[in-house]
């Protein structure tokens, strides 16, 4: 048998990747903060604020590494309840730009949805890693845990953050030994909403659903209920569409055809694609982005910072950033495979899904392959709440790696 050895060292490779991403992000935000107009240079203070948040995030990282391991499990439920209360509170505070997403504390804006994502992961992992409850009970509890913050965040409204809550649930359930068939049945109503706009797609999906249920020998009564629910939801697809905010409808329609409103809802996608494409191989140079300096690029320090990177650092700069993310995800996978505590493994899977989904969606909407949903690029986009939440998730992974009782040598 392979000998077992103690492991008490910090994963410095993981820490190095985190620091590289934070530094890369601060450089990108600095560039996005500078606007050159001939000989005149105008500098905003986004990069200074982000630098201050980065210091806070690193201090939090160190704190999480050294707090007692039992504290993470104990805080999961009260942290979840606190985050739900904050999500309710923010709905009653004055709106900023027409949305209720931030709580003003002193001179800083705190986004409760970012806090909620961490505690949702911790609380779900705590519940579904228990051995003394049935898989059905685990599934029901996990679904309720996710559903509450999802609905509250949708009311703000913040479609991007609400999607993150739903997406991270599925891999966590899978690694808690919930079958793929069960997970498919869970997400089938969402698919039914999408295919409900096309009779052909609706028929094909229902046939696929019936086939999967038949192959898995589900009894006639339960199978009939599942198919009936999906059919009913498909008929409600136009209603769900009507409940979306006008700007959300416009974003989806514009994604399908950006040219339909080039100066309106299609403006963001078109300008982002122009910026990324104009960078070519090596980019125009740091601070030299035309789209950025002329402020044609919207939200260039937040949701569309990848377009700034593409324009100024080109394909090479984008590939360096993507490589850093891929190395980070690879390292997280390696740590997950070595983790033997069931709840910790599920937490790591939830964090990996949470980070990877943000990266995929943000880069996707910057290059025009995904609708604009307002998801920042982890560690890179401006925003203190997002930076601190993302850093805390990496700190948790580093903590689990450091405190594994035994590893295979």
Protein backbone atom coordinates (compact mmCIF):
# COMPACT_ATOMS: atom_id res chain seq x y z
CA UNK A 1 0.00 0.00 0.00
CA UNK A 2 1.23 3.51 -0.76
CA UNK A 3 2.55 5.11 2.44
CA UNK A 4 0.74 8.07 3.95
CA UNK A 5 2.53 11.23 5.07
CA UNK A 6 1.48 14.36 6.90
CA UNK A 7 0.73 17.47 4.84
CA UNK A 8 0.90 20.84 6.59
CA UNK A 9 2.40 23.14 3.94
CA UNK A 10 0.60 25.87 2.02
CA UNK A 11 0.11 25.24 -1.70
CA UNK A 12 2.39 28.03 -2.91
CA UNK A 13 1.63 27.32 -6.56
CA UNK A 14 -2.05 28.07 -5.90
CA UNK A 15 -1.11 31.22 -3.97
CA UNK A 16 1.21 32.34 -6.78
CA UNK A 17 -1.55 31.94 -9.38
CA UNK A 18 -3.90 33.98 -7.19
CA UNK A 19 -1.31 36.78 -6.84
CA UNK A 20 -0.54 36.78 -10.58
CA UNK A 21 -4.25 37.16 -11.38
CA UNK A 22 -4.75 39.94 -8.82
CA UNK A 23 -1.70 41.84 -10.14
CA UNK A 24 -2.85 41.30 -13.75
CA UNK A 25 -6.27 42.62 -12.76
CA UNK A 26 -4.89 45.74 -11.10
CA UNK A 27 -2.76 46.52 -14.17
CA UNK A 28 -5.80 46.09 -16.42
CA UNK A 29 -7.94 48.29 -14.16
CA UNK A 30 -5.21 50.94 -14.12
CA UNK A 31 -5.21 50.98 -17.91
CA UNK A 32 -9.02 51.14 -17.95
CA UNK A 33 -8.78 54.09 -15.53
CA UNK A 34 -6.54 56.11 -17.85
CA UNK A 35 -7.95 58.01 -20.83
CA UNK A 36 -5.58 59.70 -23.26
CA UNK A 37 -6.84 62.50 -25.50
CA UNK A 38 -3.84 63.69 -27.50
CA UNK A 39 -1.52 65.28 -24.94
CA UNK A 40 -4.17 65.34 -22.23
CA UNK A 41 -4.40 62.40 -19.82
CA UNK A 42 -7.35 61.83 -17.50
CA UNK A 43 -6.98 59.29 -14.70
CA UNK A 44 -9.85 57.93 -12.59
CA UNK A 45 -9.26 56.35 -9.18
CA UNK A 46 -10.66 52.86 -9.89
CA UNK A 47 -7.22 51.25 -9.70
CA UNK A 48 -6.48 52.84 -6.30
CA UNK A 49 -9.75 51.57 -4.87
CA UNK A 50 -9.12 48.11 -6.31
CA UNK A 51 -5.61 48.11 -4.82
CA UNK A 52 -7.10 48.85 -1.39
CA UNK A 53 -9.60 46.00 -1.84
CA UNK A 54 -6.75 43.72 -2.91
CA UNK A 55 -4.95 44.41 0.39
CA UNK A 56 -8.13 43.59 2.31
CA UNK A 57 -8.57 40.41 0.24
CA UNK A 58 -5.02 39.21 0.95
CA UNK A 59 -5.47 39.84 4.69
CA UNK A 60 -8.71 37.84 4.55
CA UNK A 61 -6.86 35.05 2.73
CA UNK A 62 -4.33 34.80 5.58
CA UNK A 63 -7.12 34.87 8.18
CA UNK A 64 -9.04 32.04 6.51
CA UNK A 65 -5.88 29.93 6.20
CA UNK A 66 -5.25 30.02 9.95
CA UNK A 67 -8.72 29.99 11.54
CA UNK A 68 -9.73 26.62 13.06
CA UNK A 69 -11.10 24.17 10.50
CA UNK A 70 -14.25 23.51 12.53
CA UNK A 71 -15.15 27.20 12.22
CA UNK A 72 -15.88 26.76 8.48
CA UNK A 73 -18.49 24.09 9.19
CA UNK A 74 -20.03 25.95 12.14
CA UNK A 75 -20.41 29.23 10.24
CA UNK A 76 -22.10 27.71 7.17
CA UNK A 77 -25.72 27.92 8.41
CA UNK A 78 -25.58 31.30 10.26
CA UNK A 79 -23.61 32.75 7.31
CA UNK A 80 -26.31 31.57 4.92
CA UNK A 81 -29.08 33.09 7.05
CA UNK A 82 -27.15 36.37 7.33
CA UNK A 83 -26.66 36.53 3.57
CA UNK A 84 -30.38 35.93 2.99
CA UNK A 85 -31.24 38.75 5.41
CA UNK A 86 -28.82 41.05 3.58
CA UNK A 87 -30.39 40.12 0.22
CA UNK A 88 -33.78 41.07 1.66
CA UNK A 89 -32.44 44.28 3.21
CA UNK A 90 -30.89 45.49 -0.06
CA UNK A 91 -34.31 45.37 -1.74
CA UNK A 92 -35.56 48.09 0.63
CA UNK A 93 -32.57 50.39 0.20
CA UNK A 94 -32.45 53.19 -2.41
CA UNK A 95 -31.75 51.91 -5.91
CA UNK A 96 -28.49 52.65 -7.74
CA UNK A 97 -28.90 53.02 -11.50
CA UNK A 98 -32.35 51.44 -11.20
CA UNK A 99 -31.22 48.27 -9.38
CA UNK A 100 -30.98 47.16 -5.74
CA UNK A 101 -27.61 45.38 -5.50
CA UNK A 102 -25.42 47.29 -3.03
CA UNK A 103 -25.39 48.23 0.63
CA UNK A 104 -23.47 51.41 1.38
CA UNK A 105 -21.06 50.97 4.31
CA UNK A 106 -18.99 54.06 4.97
CA UNK A 107 -17.30 54.88 1.71
CA UNK A 108 -17.68 51.41 0.20
CA UNK A 109 -20.45 49.53 -1.59
CA UNK A 110 -20.95 45.92 -0.48
CA UNK A 111 -22.80 43.48 -2.76
CA UNK A 112 -24.68 40.89 -0.64
CA UNK A 113 -25.07 38.48 -3.58
CA UNK A 114 -21.28 37.95 -3.60
CA UNK A 115 -21.32 37.02 0.09
CA UNK A 116 -24.31 34.75 -0.48
CA UNK A 117 -22.51 32.70 -3.16
CA UNK A 118 -19.86 31.56 -0.69
CA UNK A 119 -22.28 30.62 2.06
CA UNK A 120 -24.62 28.86 -0.37
CA UNK A 121 -21.69 26.63 -1.39
CA UNK A 122 -20.71 25.96 2.24
CA UNK A 123 -24.26 25.22 3.38
CA UNK A 124 -25.13 22.97 0.44
CA UNK A 125 -21.92 20.99 0.98
CA UNK A 126 -22.71 20.59 4.67
CA UNK A 127 -26.18 19.20 3.92
CA UNK A 128 -25.49 16.91 0.97
CA UNK A 129 -22.33 15.42 2.49
CA UNK A 130 -24.30 13.93 5.39
CA UNK A 131 -24.55 10.14 5.36
CA UNK A 132 -27.66 9.79 7.55
CA UNK A 133 -30.21 11.38 5.18
CA UNK A 134 -31.62 10.07 1.91
CA UNK A 135 -30.58 11.30 -1.53
CA UNK A 136 -34.08 12.67 -2.12
CA UNK A 137 -33.89 14.69 1.10
CA UNK A 138 -30.45 15.99 0.13
CA UNK A 139 -31.75 17.06 -3.25
CA UNK A 140 -34.81 18.83 -1.83
CA UNK A 141 -32.79 20.71 0.78
CA UNK A 142 -30.10 21.70 -1.73
CA UNK A 143 -32.72 22.95 -4.18
CA UNK A 144 -34.42 25.07 -1.51
CA UNK A 145 -31.06 26.46 -0.32
CA UNK A 146 -30.32 27.66 -3.86
CA UNK A 147 -33.84 28.73 -4.79
CA UNK A 148 -34.23 31.37 -2.04
CA UNK A 149 -31.19 33.54 -2.94
CA UNK A 150 -31.82 32.97 -6.64
CA UNK A 151 -35.29 34.51 -6.41
CA UNK A 152 -34.10 37.38 -4.21
CA UNK A 153 -31.26 38.23 -6.60
CA UNK A 154 -33.63 38.07 -9.58
CA UNK A 155 -35.80 40.68 -7.89
CA UNK A 156 -32.83 43.11 -7.59
CA UNK A 157 -32.61 42.42 -10.64
CA UNK A 158 -29.30 40.63 -11.33
CA UNK A 159 -29.73 37.84 -13.88
CA UNK A 160 -26.01 36.98 -13.98
CA UNK A 161 -25.64 36.30 -10.26
CA UNK A 162 -28.89 34.32 -10.15
CA UNK A 163 -27.56 32.04 -12.90
CA UNK A 164 -24.42 31.36 -10.85
CA UNK A 165 -26.50 30.04 -7.95
CA UNK A 166 -28.32 27.59 -10.22
CA UNK A 167 -25.24 26.43 -12.12
CA UNK A 168 -23.07 25.61 -9.10
CA UNK A 169 -25.75 23.31 -7.67
CA UNK A 170 -25.54 20.64 -10.39
CA UNK A 171 -21.86 19.56 -10.09
CA UNK A 172 -22.14 19.61 -6.30
CA UNK A 173 -25.13 17.24 -6.45
CA UNK A 174 -23.27 14.96 -8.86
CA UNK A 175 -20.29 14.65 -6.52
CA UNK A 176 -22.71 13.93 -3.69
CA UNK A 177 -23.72 10.78 -5.66
CA UNK A 178 -27.00 12.18 -6.98
CA UNK A 179 -27.54 10.42 -10.33
CA UNK A 180 -27.20 12.22 -13.65
CA UNK A 181 -30.78 11.22 -14.49
CA UNK A 182 -32.05 12.98 -11.37
CA UNK A 183 -30.01 16.08 -12.20
CA UNK A 184 -31.32 16.02 -15.78
CA UNK A 185 -34.91 15.82 -14.52
CA UNK A 186 -34.18 18.79 -12.25
CA UNK A 187 -32.93 21.01 -15.08
CA UNK A 188 -35.44 19.76 -17.65
CA UNK A 189 -38.02 22.49 -16.82
CA UNK A 190 -35.40 25.14 -17.68
CA UNK A 191 -34.79 23.42 -21.02
CA UNK A 192 -38.55 23.22 -21.55
CA UNK A 193 -38.80 27.01 -21.22
CA UNK A 194 -36.18 27.47 -23.96
CA UNK A 195 -37.64 24.91 -26.39
CA UNK A 196 -41.16 26.15 -25.68
CA UNK A 197 -40.74 28.86 -28.33
CA UNK A 198 -40.29 26.24 -31.08
CA UNK A 199 -42.91 23.46 -31.58
CA UNK A 200 -40.33 21.28 -33.34
CA UNK A 201 -37.74 21.61 -30.57
CA UNK A 202 -40.46 21.07 -27.96
CA UNK A 203 -41.54 17.76 -29.55
CA UNK A 204 -37.95 16.57 -29.95
CA UNK A 205 -37.07 17.41 -26.35
CA UNK A 206 -40.18 15.67 -24.98
CA UNK A 207 -39.33 12.56 -27.01
CA UNK A 208 -35.79 12.64 -25.63
CA UNK A 209 -37.14 13.05 -22.10
CA UNK A 210 -39.52 10.09 -22.51
CA UNK A 211 -36.69 7.97 -23.91
CA UNK A 212 -34.39 8.77 -20.97
CA UNK A 213 -37.13 8.01 -18.44
CA UNK A 214 -37.96 4.73 -20.21
CA UNK A 215 -34.31 3.63 -20.38
CA UNK A 216 -33.93 4.29 -16.65
CA UNK A 217 -37.09 2.25 -15.91
CA UNK A 218 -39.00 5.03 -14.18
CA UNK A 219 -42.53 3.88 -13.37
CA UNK A 220 -45.41 5.15 -15.49
CA UNK A 221 -46.92 7.41 -12.83
CA UNK A 222 -43.76 9.33 -11.95
CA UNK A 223 -42.64 9.46 -15.58
CA UNK A 224 -46.01 10.84 -16.60
CA UNK A 225 -45.79 13.52 -13.93
CA UNK A 226 -42.33 14.60 -15.11
CA UNK A 227 -43.39 14.78 -18.77
CA UNK A 228 -46.63 16.61 -17.89
CA UNK A 229 -44.80 19.21 -15.81
CA UNK A 230 -42.34 19.88 -18.63
CA UNK A 231 -45.11 20.12 -21.21
CA UNK A 232 -47.01 22.58 -19.02
CA UNK A 233 -43.90 24.72 -18.49
CA UNK A 234 -43.25 24.78 -22.25
CA UNK A 235 -46.70 26.29 -22.76
CA UNK A 236 -45.78 28.97 -20.20
CA UNK A 237 -42.61 29.99 -22.08
CA UNK A 238 -44.22 33.17 -23.52
CA UNK A 239 -45.28 34.13 -19.98
CA UNK A 240 -41.73 33.74 -18.66
CA UNK A 241 -40.50 35.86 -21.56
CA UNK A 242 -43.00 38.59 -20.73
CA UNK A 243 -41.79 38.63 -17.10
CA UNK A 244 -38.22 39.51 -18.14
CA UNK A 245 -37.24 43.16 -17.88
CA UNK A 246 -37.21 44.99 -21.21
CA UNK A 247 -33.41 45.37 -21.14
CA UNK A 248 -33.03 41.62 -20.50
CA UNK A 249 -35.21 40.82 -23.52
CA UNK A 250 -33.19 43.27 -25.60
CA UNK A 251 -29.91 41.66 -24.54
CA UNK A 252 -31.08 38.22 -25.65
CA UNK A 253 -32.49 39.47 -28.96
CA UNK A 254 -29.37 41.54 -29.58
CA UNK A 255 -27.14 38.55 -28.91
CA UNK A 256 -29.00 36.67 -31.63
CA UNK A 257 -28.70 39.64 -33.98
CA UNK A 258 -26.42 42.50 -32.78
CA UNK A 259 -27.17 44.54 -35.91
CA UNK A 260 -30.84 44.95 -34.97
CA UNK A 261 -30.00 47.89 -32.67
CA UNK A 262 -26.40 48.95 -33.26
CA UNK A 263 -26.69 52.19 -31.29
CA UNK A 264 -28.85 50.76 -28.52
CA UNK A 265 -28.84 47.31 -26.98
CA UNK A 266 -26.36 46.00 -29.56
CA UNK A 267 -23.83 48.73 -28.85
CA UNK A 268 -22.01 46.88 -26.03
CA UNK A 269 -21.48 43.67 -27.99
CA UNK A 270 -20.38 45.47 -31.16
CA UNK A 271 -17.90 47.78 -29.40
CA UNK A 272 -16.47 44.90 -27.35
CA UNK A 273 -15.89 42.80 -30.45
CA UNK A 274 -14.29 45.76 -32.25
CA UNK A 275 -11.94 46.33 -29.30
CA UNK A 276 -10.87 42.68 -29.05
CA UNK A 277 -10.45 42.31 -32.81
CA UNK A 278 -8.48 45.53 -33.24
CA UNK A 279 -5.82 44.31 -30.80
CA UNK A 280 -4.68 41.64 -33.28
CA UNK A 281 -1.65 39.61 -32.12
CA UNK A 282 0.36 41.96 -29.89
CA UNK A 283 -2.17 44.70 -29.13
CA UNK A 284 -1.91 48.47 -29.40
CA UNK A 285 0.11 48.76 -26.20
CA UNK A 286 -0.81 49.43 -22.58
CA UNK A 287 -2.85 52.66 -22.22
CA UNK A 288 -3.09 52.99 -26.01
CA UNK A 289 -6.47 51.39 -26.67
CA UNK A 290 -8.51 53.58 -29.02
CA UNK A 291 -11.90 52.19 -28.06
CA UNK A 292 -11.01 52.59 -24.40
CA UNK A 293 -9.52 56.09 -24.61
CA UNK A 294 -12.45 57.43 -26.62
CA UNK A 295 -14.82 55.69 -24.17
CA UNK A 296 -16.64 53.83 -26.90
CA UNK A 297 -16.27 50.70 -24.77
CA UNK A 298 -18.96 50.57 -22.04
CA UNK A 299 -18.23 49.37 -18.48
CA UNK A 300 -14.60 48.97 -19.51
CA UNK A 301 -13.30 48.60 -15.94
CA UNK A 302 -15.92 46.03 -14.93
CA UNK A 303 -17.84 43.67 -17.24
CA UNK A 304 -15.87 44.53 -20.39
CA UNK A 305 -12.34 44.69 -19.03
CA UNK A 306 -11.41 41.65 -21.15
CA UNK A 307 -12.03 43.81 -24.22
CA UNK A 308 -9.54 46.37 -22.87
CA UNK A 309 -7.00 43.58 -22.44
CA UNK A 310 -7.68 42.30 -25.94
CA UNK A 311 -7.30 45.73 -27.51
CA UNK A 312 -4.15 46.78 -25.66
CA UNK A 313 -2.33 43.46 -25.13
CA UNK A 314 -3.73 41.58 -28.12
CA UNK A 315 -4.09 37.85 -28.61
CA UNK A 316 -0.88 37.22 -26.63
CA UNK A 317 -2.14 39.12 -23.59
CA UNK A 318 -5.51 37.34 -23.72
CA UNK A 319 -3.81 33.94 -23.96
CA UNK A 320 -1.55 34.73 -20.99
CA UNK A 321 -4.64 35.57 -18.92
CA UNK A 322 -6.58 32.51 -20.09
CA UNK A 323 -3.55 30.31 -19.36
CA UNK A 324 -3.43 31.65 -15.80
CA UNK A 325 -7.09 30.75 -15.36
CA UNK A 326 -6.59 27.27 -16.84
CA UNK A 327 -3.64 26.64 -14.52
CA UNK A 328 -5.75 27.79 -11.57
CA UNK A 329 -8.60 25.45 -12.52
CA UNK A 330 -6.18 22.58 -13.10
CA UNK A 331 -4.64 23.09 -9.68
CA UNK A 332 -8.10 23.15 -8.05
CA UNK A 333 -8.97 19.87 -9.79
CA UNK A 334 -5.74 18.30 -8.52
CA UNK A 335 -6.50 19.41 -4.96
CA UNK A 336 -10.09 18.14 -5.24
CA UNK A 337 -8.87 14.71 -6.31
CA UNK A 338 -6.54 14.51 -3.29
CA UNK A 339 -9.10 15.78 -0.78
CA UNK A 340 -10.51 12.92 1.28
CA UNK A 341 -13.02 14.80 3.45
CA UNK A 342 -16.31 14.52 1.59
CA UNK A 343 -17.74 17.93 2.52
CA UNK A 344 -14.47 19.68 1.63
CA UNK A 345 -14.35 17.97 -1.77
CA UNK A 346 -17.91 19.11 -2.55
CA UNK A 347 -17.04 22.67 -1.48
CA UNK A 348 -14.03 22.66 -3.82
CA UNK A 349 -16.21 21.41 -6.71
CA UNK A 350 -18.72 24.19 -5.99
CA UNK A 351 -15.95 26.81 -5.97
CA UNK A 352 -14.47 25.47 -9.21
CA UNK A 353 -17.88 25.67 -10.89
CA UNK A 354 -18.48 29.16 -9.49
CA UNK A 355 -15.17 30.53 -10.79
CA UNK A 356 -15.12 28.69 -14.13
CA UNK A 357 -18.68 29.76 -14.97
CA UNK A 358 -17.82 33.42 -14.35
CA UNK A 359 -14.72 33.23 -16.55
CA UNK A 360 -16.55 31.43 -19.36
CA UNK A 361 -19.53 33.79 -19.39
CA UNK A 362 -17.53 37.01 -19.06
CA UNK A 363 -15.07 36.17 -21.83
CA UNK A 364 -17.93 34.76 -23.91
CA UNK A 365 -19.95 37.97 -23.74
CA UNK A 366 -16.83 40.04 -24.53
CA UNK A 367 -16.27 38.15 -27.78
CA UNK A 368 -19.96 37.94 -28.64
CA UNK A 369 -20.74 34.24 -28.16
CA UNK A 370 -22.90 34.71 -25.04
CA UNK A 371 -25.57 37.34 -24.24
CA UNK A 372 -24.50 40.18 -21.95
CA UNK A 373 -25.61 39.18 -18.44
CA UNK A 374 -23.39 41.37 -16.25
CA UNK A 375 -20.95 38.84 -14.77
CA UNK A 376 -17.48 40.22 -13.85
CA UNK A 377 -14.20 38.50 -14.70
CA UNK A 378 -12.84 36.98 -11.44
CA UNK A 379 -9.79 38.78 -9.98
CA UNK A 380 -9.63 41.05 -13.04
CA UNK A 381 -12.79 43.20 -13.13
CA UNK A 382 -13.13 46.18 -10.81
CA UNK A 383 -15.23 45.47 -7.73
CA UNK A 384 -14.30 44.94 -4.09
CA UNK A 385 -17.08 42.51 -3.16
CA UNK A 386 -16.31 40.21 -6.09
CA UNK A 387 -12.54 40.30 -5.47
CA UNK A 388 -12.93 39.52 -1.78
CA UNK A 389 -15.44 36.72 -2.43
CA UNK A 390 -13.23 35.13 -5.10
CA UNK A 391 -10.12 35.41 -2.94
CA UNK A 392 -11.99 33.85 -0.02
CA UNK A 393 -12.89 30.84 -2.16
CA UNK A 394 -9.24 30.28 -3.11
CA UNK A 395 -8.29 30.68 0.56
CA UNK A 396 -10.76 27.93 1.47
CA UNK A 397 -9.20 25.60 -1.10
CA UNK A 398 -5.69 26.42 0.15
CA UNK A 399 -6.89 25.79 3.71
CA UNK A 400 -8.33 22.38 2.84
CA UNK A 401 -5.12 21.45 1.04
CA UNK A 402 -3.00 22.61 3.98
CA UNK A 403 -5.06 20.80 6.59
CA UNK A 404 -5.59 17.47 4.90
CA UNK A 405 -4.75 14.93 7.61
CA UNK A 406 -3.00 12.57 5.22
CA UNK A 407 -1.98 12.48 1.57
CA UNK A 408 -0.54 9.77 -0.61
CA UNK A 409 3.20 10.29 -0.96
